[in-house]
N, C-alpha and C. Protein backbone atom coordinates (compact mmCIF):
# COMPACT_ATOMS: atom_id res chain seq x y z
N MET A 1 13.66 2.77 56.91
CA MET A 1 12.09 1.71 56.65
C MET A 1 11.87 1.37 54.87
N ASN A 2 11.35 0.18 54.41
CA ASN A 2 11.72 -0.22 53.30
C ASN A 2 10.03 -0.92 53.59
N HIS A 3 9.05 -0.70 52.04
CA HIS A 3 8.09 -1.21 52.59
C HIS A 3 7.97 -1.01 50.24
N VAL A 4 7.03 -2.27 50.45
CA VAL A 4 6.37 -2.48 49.02
C VAL A 4 4.84 -2.79 49.20
N GLU A 5 4.14 -2.14 48.31
CA GLU A 5 2.92 -2.53 48.30
C GLU A 5 2.46 -2.83 47.22
N ILE A 6 1.23 -4.05 46.96
CA ILE A 6 0.34 -4.63 45.60
C ILE A 6 -0.70 -4.63 46.17
N GLY A 7 -1.51 -3.81 44.83
CA GLY A 7 -2.92 -3.11 45.57
C GLY A 7 -4.17 -4.33 44.42
N TRP A 8 -5.21 -4.16 44.39
CA TRP A 8 -6.07 -4.65 43.09
C TRP A 8 -7.29 -2.97 43.04
N THR A 9 -7.61 -2.97 42.74
CA THR A 9 -8.70 -1.85 42.70
C THR A 9 -9.79 -2.07 41.23
N PRO A 10 -11.13 -2.15 41.77
CA PRO A 10 -11.83 -2.21 39.74
C PRO A 10 -10.84 -1.37 39.08
N SER A 11 -11.01 0.04 39.38
CA SER A 11 -10.92 0.82 37.96
C SER A 11 -10.21 2.45 38.93
N PHE A 12 -9.49 2.65 38.71
CA PHE A 12 -8.97 3.58 38.85
C PHE A 12 -9.82 4.99 39.80
N GLU A 13 -10.87 5.21 39.42
CA GLU A 13 -12.36 6.24 39.50
C GLU A 13 -13.15 5.73 40.70
N ASN A 14 -12.27 4.45 40.90
CA ASN A 14 -13.33 3.45 42.35
C ASN A 14 -11.81 3.14 43.55
N ARG A 15 -11.49 3.51 43.12
CA ARG A 15 -10.26 3.09 44.19
C ARG A 15 -10.20 3.73 45.47
N ARG A 16 -10.79 4.01 45.72
CA ARG A 16 -11.19 4.39 47.92
C ARG A 16 -12.37 3.41 47.67
N ASN A 17 -13.14 3.07 46.34
CA ASN A 17 -14.39 2.58 47.32
C ASN A 17 -14.11 0.68 47.65
N SER A 18 -13.33 0.76 46.30
CA SER A 18 -12.88 -1.13 46.40
C SER A 18 -11.59 -1.04 46.11
N LYS A 19 -11.24 -2.06 47.06
CA LYS A 19 -9.48 -2.11 47.06
C LYS A 19 -9.08 -3.41 48.14
N VAL A 20 -8.56 -4.62 47.65
CA VAL A 20 -7.05 -4.91 48.46
C VAL A 20 -5.87 -4.97 48.68
N GLN A 21 -4.82 -4.94 49.01
CA GLN A 21 -4.00 -4.25 48.85
C GLN A 21 -3.03 -4.99 50.24
N LEU A 22 -1.59 -5.54 50.23
CA LEU A 22 -0.59 -5.56 50.19
C LEU A 22 0.27 -5.47 50.47
N THR A 23 0.97 -5.55 51.77
CA THR A 23 2.09 -4.77 51.62
C THR A 23 2.86 -5.49 52.71
N TYR A 24 4.29 -5.23 52.10
CA TYR A 24 5.48 -5.69 52.21
C TYR A 24 6.55 -4.86 53.33
N TRP A 25 6.83 -5.03 55.06
CA TRP A 25 7.70 -4.18 55.44
C TRP A 25 8.85 -4.62 56.20
N GLU A 26 10.10 -4.00 56.12
CA GLU A 26 10.59 -4.26 57.32
C GLU A 26 11.83 -3.00 57.32
N LYS A 27 12.25 -2.93 59.06
CA LYS A 27 12.71 -1.58 59.03
C LYS A 27 13.88 -1.86 59.86
N ASP A 28 15.24 -1.55 60.02
CA ASP A 28 16.19 -1.02 59.82
C ASP A 28 16.26 -1.22 62.01
N GLU A 29 16.92 -1.91 62.45
CA GLU A 29 17.86 -1.82 63.62
C GLU A 29 18.11 -0.16 63.98
N ARG A 30 17.57 0.08 65.34
CA ARG A 30 17.80 1.65 65.80
C ARG A 30 18.76 0.72 67.28
N PRO A 31 19.62 0.89 67.87
CA PRO A 31 20.53 0.39 68.28
C PRO A 31 20.98 1.61 69.65
N GLU A 32 20.81 3.31 69.16
CA GLU A 32 20.43 3.91 70.40
C GLU A 32 19.73 4.22 70.84
N ALA A 33 18.64 3.57 69.86
CA ALA A 33 16.97 3.82 70.36
C ALA A 33 16.34 1.91 71.61
N GLY A 34 17.09 0.94 71.31
CA GLY A 34 17.35 0.00 71.77
C GLY A 34 15.98 -0.80 70.80
N VAL A 35 16.26 -0.55 69.76
CA VAL A 35 15.08 -1.31 68.94
C VAL A 35 15.68 -2.47 67.73
N SER A 36 15.39 -3.30 68.26
CA SER A 36 15.86 -4.39 66.43
C SER A 36 15.23 -4.18 64.93
N SER A 37 16.07 -4.67 64.68
CA SER A 37 14.72 -4.49 62.95
C SER A 37 13.89 -5.75 63.05
N GLY A 38 13.41 -5.62 61.92
CA GLY A 38 11.89 -6.42 61.91
C GLY A 38 11.28 -6.33 60.87
N ASP A 39 10.29 -7.21 60.36
CA ASP A 39 9.56 -6.88 58.93
C ASP A 39 8.59 -7.80 59.33
N GLY A 40 7.67 -6.82 58.08
CA GLY A 40 5.77 -7.81 58.79
C GLY A 40 4.99 -7.29 57.47
N TRP A 41 4.21 -7.67 57.39
CA TRP A 41 2.66 -7.79 55.68
C TRP A 41 1.76 -7.88 57.17
N LEU A 42 1.05 -6.61 55.66
CA LEU A 42 -0.88 -6.54 56.60
C LEU A 42 -0.75 -6.45 55.35
N LEU A 43 -2.63 -7.26 55.00
CA LEU A 43 -3.66 -7.29 53.61
C LEU A 43 -4.65 -6.56 55.02
N THR A 44 -5.04 -5.56 53.51
CA THR A 44 -6.61 -4.70 54.46
C THR A 44 -7.20 -5.13 52.67
N ALA A 45 -8.61 -5.12 53.43
CA ALA A 45 -9.27 -5.03 51.93
C ALA A 45 -10.52 -4.27 52.64
N HIS A 46 -11.36 -3.77 51.47
CA HIS A 46 -12.79 -3.59 51.89
C HIS A 46 -13.68 -2.72 50.32
N HIS A 47 -15.13 -2.88 50.34
CA HIS A 47 -15.31 -2.13 48.98
C HIS A 47 -16.99 -1.98 49.73
N LYS A 48 -17.32 -1.08 49.19
CA LYS A 48 -18.05 0.34 49.18
C LYS A 48 -19.95 -0.65 48.73
N PHE A 49 -20.75 -0.15 48.74
CA PHE A 49 -21.90 -0.63 48.34
C PHE A 49 -22.87 0.40 47.95
N ASP A 50 -23.48 0.06 46.91
CA ASP A 50 -24.68 1.24 46.49
C ASP A 50 -24.38 1.89 47.91
N ASN A 51 -25.28 1.09 48.56
CA ASN A 51 -25.96 1.25 49.73
C ASN A 51 -25.93 2.13 50.15
N GLY A 52 -24.25 2.44 50.22
CA GLY A 52 -22.95 3.00 51.78
C GLY A 52 -22.03 2.32 52.50
N VAL A 53 -23.18 1.20 52.53
CA VAL A 53 -22.60 0.24 53.67
C VAL A 53 -20.67 -0.17 53.22
N LEU A 54 -19.97 -0.20 53.77
CA LEU A 54 -18.67 -0.20 53.65
C LEU A 54 -17.93 -1.57 54.75
N PRO A 55 -17.72 -2.51 53.96
CA PRO A 55 -17.26 -2.88 55.18
C PRO A 55 -15.63 -3.81 54.82
N PHE A 56 -15.10 -4.01 55.61
CA PHE A 56 -13.59 -3.60 55.66
C PHE A 56 -13.05 -5.09 56.26
N ILE A 57 -11.55 -5.00 56.72
CA ILE A 57 -10.86 -6.85 57.00
C ILE A 57 -8.89 -5.89 56.72
N ARG A 58 -8.79 -5.51 58.27
CA ARG A 58 -7.14 -5.90 58.27
C ARG A 58 -6.27 -7.01 58.68
N ILE A 59 -5.59 -7.15 58.15
CA ILE A 59 -5.01 -8.36 58.79
C ILE A 59 -2.77 -8.51 58.59
N GLY A 60 -2.61 -8.40 59.73
CA GLY A 60 -1.42 -8.17 60.02
C GLY A 60 -0.38 -9.03 60.37
N HIS A 61 0.42 -9.08 60.68
CA HIS A 61 1.89 -10.09 61.12
C HIS A 61 2.79 -9.67 60.80
N SER A 62 3.92 -9.56 62.19
CA SER A 62 5.37 -9.21 61.96
C SER A 62 6.37 -10.33 62.94
N ASP A 63 7.39 -10.08 63.04
CA ASP A 63 8.14 -11.10 63.59
C ASP A 63 8.12 -10.64 65.23
N GLY A 64 7.87 -9.78 65.32
CA GLY A 64 8.00 -8.94 67.07
C GLY A 64 9.10 -7.96 67.02
N GLY A 65 9.64 -7.31 65.89
CA GLY A 65 10.68 -6.27 66.29
C GLY A 65 10.87 -5.44 65.60
N ALA A 66 12.06 -4.57 66.21
CA ALA A 66 11.20 -2.60 65.12
C ALA A 66 10.06 -2.13 66.44
N GLY A 67 9.85 -2.51 67.14
CA GLY A 67 9.02 -1.85 68.07
C GLY A 67 7.73 -1.94 67.70
N VAL A 68 7.17 -2.46 66.85
CA VAL A 68 6.11 -2.79 66.40
C VAL A 68 4.71 -3.16 67.61
N PRO A 69 3.96 -3.01 67.95
CA PRO A 69 2.89 -3.46 68.88
C PRO A 69 2.68 -4.26 69.16
N ALA A 70 2.81 -5.24 67.69
CA ALA A 70 2.04 -6.47 67.85
C ALA A 70 2.22 -7.59 67.36
N GLU A 71 2.00 -8.68 67.34
CA GLU A 71 2.75 -9.97 66.07
C GLU A 71 2.57 -9.90 64.98
N GLU A 72 0.56 -10.52 66.02
CA GLU A 72 -0.55 -10.19 64.82
C GLU A 72 -1.38 -9.78 65.75
N ALA A 73 -2.45 -9.66 63.75
CA ALA A 73 -3.32 -8.12 65.04
C ALA A 73 -3.94 -9.03 63.39
N VAL A 74 -6.02 -8.83 64.04
CA VAL A 74 -6.91 -8.74 62.76
C VAL A 74 -8.07 -7.39 63.71
N THR A 75 -8.40 -7.06 62.36
CA THR A 75 -9.72 -6.58 62.63
C THR A 75 -11.19 -6.69 61.73
N LEU A 76 -11.58 -5.87 61.92
CA LEU A 76 -13.09 -6.62 61.16
C LEU A 76 -14.02 -5.30 61.90
N GLY A 77 -14.66 -4.87 60.40
CA GLY A 77 -15.26 -3.26 60.67
C GLY A 77 -15.79 -3.16 59.74
N LEU A 78 -17.17 -1.97 60.07
CA LEU A 78 -18.34 -2.02 58.78
C LEU A 78 -17.85 -0.03 58.68
N GLY A 79 -18.41 -0.12 57.95
CA GLY A 79 -18.33 1.39 57.84
C GLY A 79 -20.11 1.85 57.08
N TYR A 80 -20.22 2.88 57.58
CA TYR A 80 -21.60 3.38 56.77
C TYR A 80 -21.34 5.03 55.96
N ASP A 81 -20.27 5.18 54.56
CA ASP A 81 -20.17 6.57 54.12
C ASP A 81 -21.93 7.12 53.46
N ARG A 82 -22.24 7.96 54.30
CA ARG A 82 -23.57 9.35 54.18
C ARG A 82 -23.17 10.25 53.06
N PRO A 83 -24.19 9.59 52.64
CA PRO A 83 -24.46 10.76 51.36
C PRO A 83 -23.52 12.27 51.08
N ARG A 84 -23.08 12.73 52.31
CA ARG A 84 -22.80 14.18 52.35
C ARG A 84 -20.41 13.06 52.08
N HIS A 85 -20.59 12.69 52.08
CA HIS A 85 -19.45 12.03 51.75
C HIS A 85 -18.22 11.91 53.82
N ASP A 86 -20.00 11.90 54.99
CA ASP A 86 -19.45 11.74 55.94
C ASP A 86 -18.81 10.28 56.05
N LEU A 87 -18.80 9.87 56.90
CA LEU A 87 -18.47 8.11 56.52
C LEU A 87 -18.46 8.39 58.77
N PHE A 88 -19.51 6.80 59.16
CA PHE A 88 -19.60 6.75 59.92
C PHE A 88 -19.01 4.99 60.39
N SER A 89 -17.61 4.98 60.93
CA SER A 89 -18.06 3.25 60.77
C SER A 89 -17.31 2.79 62.65
N VAL A 90 -17.50 1.60 63.01
CA VAL A 90 -16.93 0.57 64.28
C VAL A 90 -16.56 -0.54 63.42
N ALA A 91 -15.84 -1.24 64.25
CA ALA A 91 -14.11 -1.79 64.62
C ALA A 91 -14.60 -2.88 65.40
N LEU A 92 -13.77 -4.41 65.31
CA LEU A 92 -13.42 -5.09 66.50
C LEU A 92 -12.20 -5.52 66.00
N GLY A 93 -11.42 -5.40 67.28
CA GLY A 93 -9.89 -6.22 66.56
C GLY A 93 -8.87 -6.28 67.71
N TRP A 94 -8.44 -8.06 67.51
CA TRP A 94 -8.08 -8.39 68.37
C TRP A 94 -6.22 -8.66 67.93
N ALA A 95 -5.42 -8.31 68.78
CA ALA A 95 -4.36 -7.84 68.98
C ALA A 95 -3.12 -9.78 69.55
N GLU A 96 -2.12 -9.39 69.48
CA GLU A 96 -1.06 -10.35 69.57
C GLU A 96 -0.14 -9.83 71.06
N PRO A 97 -0.69 -8.60 71.34
CA PRO A 97 1.73 -8.12 71.46
C PRO A 97 2.97 -8.54 71.44
N SER A 98 3.35 -7.29 71.03
CA SER A 98 4.76 -8.21 70.80
C SER A 98 5.25 -8.38 72.08
N GLU A 99 6.58 -9.59 71.83
CA GLU A 99 7.30 -9.73 73.13
C GLU A 99 8.37 -9.25 73.89
N GLU A 100 8.41 -8.80 72.28
CA GLU A 100 10.20 -7.81 71.87
C GLU A 100 9.98 -6.27 72.14
N THR A 101 8.50 -5.98 72.24
CA THR A 101 8.29 -4.67 72.64
C THR A 101 7.00 -4.26 74.10
N PHE A 102 6.47 -5.35 74.31
CA PHE A 102 5.81 -5.00 76.06
C PHE A 102 5.87 -5.98 77.09
N GLY A 103 7.08 -6.41 76.45
CA GLY A 103 8.04 -7.92 77.52
C GLY A 103 6.26 -8.99 77.96
N PRO A 104 7.13 -10.30 78.44
CA PRO A 104 6.41 -11.95 77.69
C PRO A 104 4.84 -11.53 78.53
N ASP A 105 3.83 -13.22 78.49
CA ASP A 105 2.99 -13.34 79.26
C ASP A 105 2.06 -12.12 79.54
N LEU A 106 1.69 -11.38 78.50
CA LEU A 106 0.57 -10.28 78.13
C LEU A 106 -0.02 -11.30 77.67
N ASP A 107 -1.58 -10.93 77.99
CA ASP A 107 -2.82 -11.15 77.17
C ASP A 107 -3.48 -10.69 76.05
N ASP A 108 -3.73 -11.37 75.19
CA ASP A 108 -3.95 -10.49 74.27
C ASP A 108 -4.74 -9.33 74.04
N GLU A 109 -4.73 -8.60 73.64
CA GLU A 109 -5.50 -7.28 73.66
C GLU A 109 -6.45 -6.68 72.15
N PHE A 110 -7.86 -6.09 72.86
CA PHE A 110 -8.99 -6.35 71.86
C PHE A 110 -9.46 -5.16 71.83
N VAL A 111 -10.13 -4.88 71.47
CA VAL A 111 -10.01 -3.29 71.20
C VAL A 111 -12.02 -3.18 70.08
N LEU A 112 -12.90 -2.41 70.53
CA LEU A 112 -14.01 -1.69 70.28
C LEU A 112 -13.74 -0.42 69.58
N GLU A 113 -14.37 0.39 68.52
CA GLU A 113 -13.37 0.83 67.67
C GLU A 113 -14.91 1.81 67.13
N THR A 114 -15.30 3.13 67.12
CA THR A 114 -15.90 3.99 66.51
C THR A 114 -15.03 4.92 66.19
N SER A 115 -15.27 5.58 64.90
CA SER A 115 -15.18 7.16 64.61
C SER A 115 -16.12 7.43 63.60
N TRP A 116 -16.35 9.25 63.77
CA TRP A 116 -17.36 9.87 62.72
C TRP A 116 -16.10 10.38 61.89
N LYS A 117 -16.66 10.19 60.95
CA LYS A 117 -15.17 11.63 59.57
C LYS A 117 -16.67 12.48 58.91
N PHE A 118 -16.19 13.96 59.62
CA PHE A 118 -17.06 14.88 58.48
C PHE A 118 -16.85 15.47 57.50
N GLN A 119 -16.50 15.61 56.61
CA GLN A 119 -16.03 15.97 55.51
C GLN A 119 -16.31 17.78 55.84
N MET A 120 -16.11 18.04 55.73
CA MET A 120 -15.83 19.77 56.04
C MET A 120 -15.63 20.23 54.76
N SER A 121 -15.31 19.55 53.91
CA SER A 121 -15.31 19.98 51.93
C SER A 121 -14.17 19.28 52.15
N PRO A 122 -14.15 19.46 50.52
CA PRO A 122 -13.00 18.44 49.52
C PRO A 122 -11.41 18.20 49.91
N ASN A 123 -11.50 19.73 50.86
CA ASN A 123 -9.70 18.90 51.41
C ASN A 123 -9.56 19.08 52.56
N ALA A 124 -10.97 19.09 53.74
CA ALA A 124 -11.03 19.37 55.11
C ALA A 124 -11.85 17.90 55.29
N SER A 125 -11.17 17.78 56.74
CA SER A 125 -12.35 16.85 57.37
C SER A 125 -11.80 16.93 58.99
N ILE A 126 -12.55 16.46 60.03
CA ILE A 126 -12.69 15.99 60.95
C ILE A 126 -12.56 14.75 61.11
N LEU A 127 -12.33 13.79 62.63
CA LEU A 127 -12.37 12.44 62.40
C LEU A 127 -12.65 12.28 64.04
N PRO A 128 -13.21 12.73 64.88
CA PRO A 128 -13.24 11.86 66.66
C PRO A 128 -13.06 10.77 66.62
N ASN A 129 -13.11 9.69 67.32
CA ASN A 129 -12.79 8.71 67.54
C ASN A 129 -12.89 8.33 68.98
N ILE A 130 -13.40 7.28 69.31
CA ILE A 130 -13.38 6.92 70.95
C ILE A 130 -13.04 5.41 70.62
N GLN A 131 -12.25 4.70 71.48
CA GLN A 131 -11.70 3.29 71.36
C GLN A 131 -11.87 2.62 73.15
N TYR A 132 -12.43 1.74 73.34
CA TYR A 132 -12.03 0.87 74.16
C TYR A 132 -11.09 0.17 74.74
N ILE A 133 -10.20 -0.32 75.21
CA ILE A 133 -9.22 -1.09 74.94
C ILE A 133 -8.97 -2.15 76.78
N ARG A 134 -9.34 -3.82 75.68
CA ARG A 134 -9.00 -4.25 76.37
C ARG A 134 -8.23 -5.10 76.61
N ASN A 135 -7.20 -5.20 78.19
CA ASN A 135 -5.81 -5.73 78.26
C ASN A 135 -5.18 -4.80 77.55
N PRO A 136 -4.83 -3.68 77.45
CA PRO A 136 -4.39 -2.56 77.02
C PRO A 136 -2.76 -2.95 76.86
N ALA A 137 -2.07 -3.50 75.83
CA ALA A 137 -0.47 -3.71 76.64
C ALA A 137 0.31 -2.44 76.56
N SER A 138 0.51 -1.29 76.62
CA SER A 138 1.58 -0.48 76.88
C SER A 138 0.79 0.03 78.23
N ASN A 139 -0.31 -0.18 78.37
CA ASN A 139 -0.73 -0.07 79.96
C ASN A 139 -0.87 -1.47 80.49
N PRO A 140 -0.29 -2.98 81.51
CA PRO A 140 -0.51 -3.83 81.11
C PRO A 140 -0.74 -3.88 83.26
N GLY A 141 -0.80 -2.81 83.63
CA GLY A 141 -1.37 -3.10 85.19
C GLY A 141 -2.77 -2.67 85.02
N GLU A 142 -3.78 -2.13 84.13
CA GLU A 142 -4.47 -1.75 83.66
C GLU A 142 -5.51 -3.48 83.31
N ASP A 143 -6.93 -3.63 83.38
CA ASP A 143 -8.32 -4.69 82.66
C ASP A 143 -7.95 -4.32 81.59
N SER A 144 -9.02 -2.65 81.35
CA SER A 144 -9.12 -2.19 79.82
C SER A 144 -8.87 -0.32 80.84
N THR A 145 -9.32 0.41 79.68
CA THR A 145 -8.58 1.65 78.97
C THR A 145 -9.81 2.26 77.74
N TRP A 146 -10.01 3.06 78.69
CA TRP A 146 -10.93 4.22 76.55
C TRP A 146 -9.81 5.11 76.32
N VAL A 147 -9.88 5.59 75.30
CA VAL A 147 -9.22 5.99 74.62
C VAL A 147 -9.80 7.19 73.42
N ALA A 148 -10.21 8.46 73.87
CA ALA A 148 -10.34 9.60 72.19
C ALA A 148 -9.78 10.25 71.63
N SER A 149 -9.90 10.56 70.40
CA SER A 149 -8.77 11.27 69.73
C SER A 149 -10.21 12.22 68.61
N LEU A 150 -8.93 13.09 68.22
CA LEU A 150 -9.90 14.29 67.10
C LEU A 150 -8.72 14.40 65.86
N ARG A 151 -8.69 14.21 64.35
CA ARG A 151 -7.96 13.25 63.88
C ARG A 151 -8.41 14.61 62.77
N VAL A 152 -7.68 16.00 62.54
CA VAL A 152 -7.93 17.22 61.92
C VAL A 152 -6.99 16.83 60.14
N ARG A 153 -7.67 16.70 59.11
CA ARG A 153 -7.30 16.53 58.09
C ARG A 153 -7.18 17.67 57.16
N TRP A 154 -5.98 18.56 56.45
CA TRP A 154 -6.31 19.52 56.05
C TRP A 154 -5.67 18.34 54.54
N ASP A 155 -5.98 19.01 53.09
CA ASP A 155 -5.63 18.44 52.12
C ASP A 155 -5.36 20.06 51.22
N ILE A 156 -3.77 19.99 50.69
CA ILE A 156 -3.44 21.61 50.24
C ILE A 156 -3.38 20.86 47.99
């Protein structure tokens, strides 16, 4: 996989709070896995205001190859960074499933997601997450599904 990123932030110290980033990627074919080559791009932007409110947007496009889940995708969200640096967020996403990955004639997928990152220490966080998915591309026999996850991050 190859990728290149170009980004802008108002200052190095503020890079986690305000950023615009464009990523272009490409993946090689993997014939043994039956996966074609592919390429695409992702534009992401966020800005944290002084009151802790953090709106964000992600827009992505791919040619549908390389086993990616979507050819087009947009996510809009809003976070709230609490004084202890816990972050609560809610987002709404739309995706056009990749025909090459999931097959033709699938309905667009919609996701409503919420998460809360608990910052346990400067180097450790826990992030529970709940998603409601309408028209899940990975399970086309279902109208909707729920997904719950828990991520633990420990920076050394």
